[in-house]
């Protein structure tokens, strides 16, 4: 008996990997938005929390 038609696959050309790598290399500004610069107050608050002070 021979295999079913669905079981006869052609060899992969690697096009899926090529497209994935092309997308991975392009800039993704849509998803990764640049953050604004942190001001002095943000740094002061971070250091306060780091030192364990609540108020």
Protein backbone atom coordinates (compact mmCIF):
# COMPACT_ATOMS: atom_id res chain seq x y z
CA UNK A 1 0.00 0.00 0.00
CA UNK A 2 1.17 3.47 -0.72
CA UNK A 3 0.93 6.47 1.55
CA UNK A 4 -2.05 8.78 1.57
CA UNK A 5 -1.76 11.96 -0.51
CA UNK A 6 -1.62 14.10 2.65
CA UNK A 7 1.44 12.16 3.82
CA UNK A 8 3.54 13.13 0.80
CA UNK A 9 5.18 16.41 1.80
CA UNK A 10 7.60 18.35 -0.31
CA UNK A 11 10.90 19.36 1.20
CA UNK A 12 10.99 22.64 3.11
CA UNK A 13 12.63 25.59 1.41
CA UNK A 14 13.20 27.42 4.68
CA UNK A 15 10.96 30.31 3.69
CA UNK A 16 9.24 30.40 7.09
CA UNK A 17 12.59 30.79 8.82
CA UNK A 18 13.64 33.48 6.34
CA UNK A 19 10.48 35.49 7.00
CA UNK A 20 10.83 35.05 10.76
CA UNK A 21 14.42 36.30 10.71
CA UNK A 22 13.47 39.23 8.48
CA UNK A 23 10.77 40.27 10.95
CA UNK A 24 13.09 39.75 13.91
CA UNK A 25 15.73 42.05 12.41
CA UNK A 26 13.42 44.95 11.57
CA UNK A 27 12.81 47.74 14.05
CA UNK A 28 9.62 47.35 16.06
CA UNK A 29 8.66 50.87 17.07
CA UNK A 30 5.04 49.76 17.21
CA UNK A 31 5.64 47.55 20.23
CA UNK A 32 8.70 49.10 21.84
CA UNK A 33 8.08 52.74 22.57
CA UNK A 34 11.06 54.75 23.77
CA UNK A 35 10.78 55.99 27.32
CA UNK A 36 11.15 59.62 28.17
CA UNK A 37 14.01 60.77 30.31
CA UNK A 38 13.61 60.19 34.03
CA UNK A 39 13.45 63.40 35.99
CA UNK A 40 15.14 64.17 39.30
CA UNK A 41 12.00 63.36 41.27
CA UNK A 42 11.83 59.87 39.78
CA UNK A 43 15.43 59.21 40.82
CA UNK A 44 14.76 60.54 44.33
CA UNK A 45 11.72 58.28 44.67
CA UNK A 46 13.68 55.27 43.43
CA UNK A 47 16.48 55.88 45.92
CA UNK A 48 13.95 56.37 48.73
CA UNK A 49 12.32 53.03 47.97
CA UNK A 50 15.72 51.36 47.62
CA UNK A 51 16.71 52.56 51.08
CA UNK A 52 13.50 51.12 52.51
CA UNK A 53 11.81 54.39 53.47
CA UNK A 54 8.07 54.52 53.04
CA UNK A 55 7.48 58.26 53.46
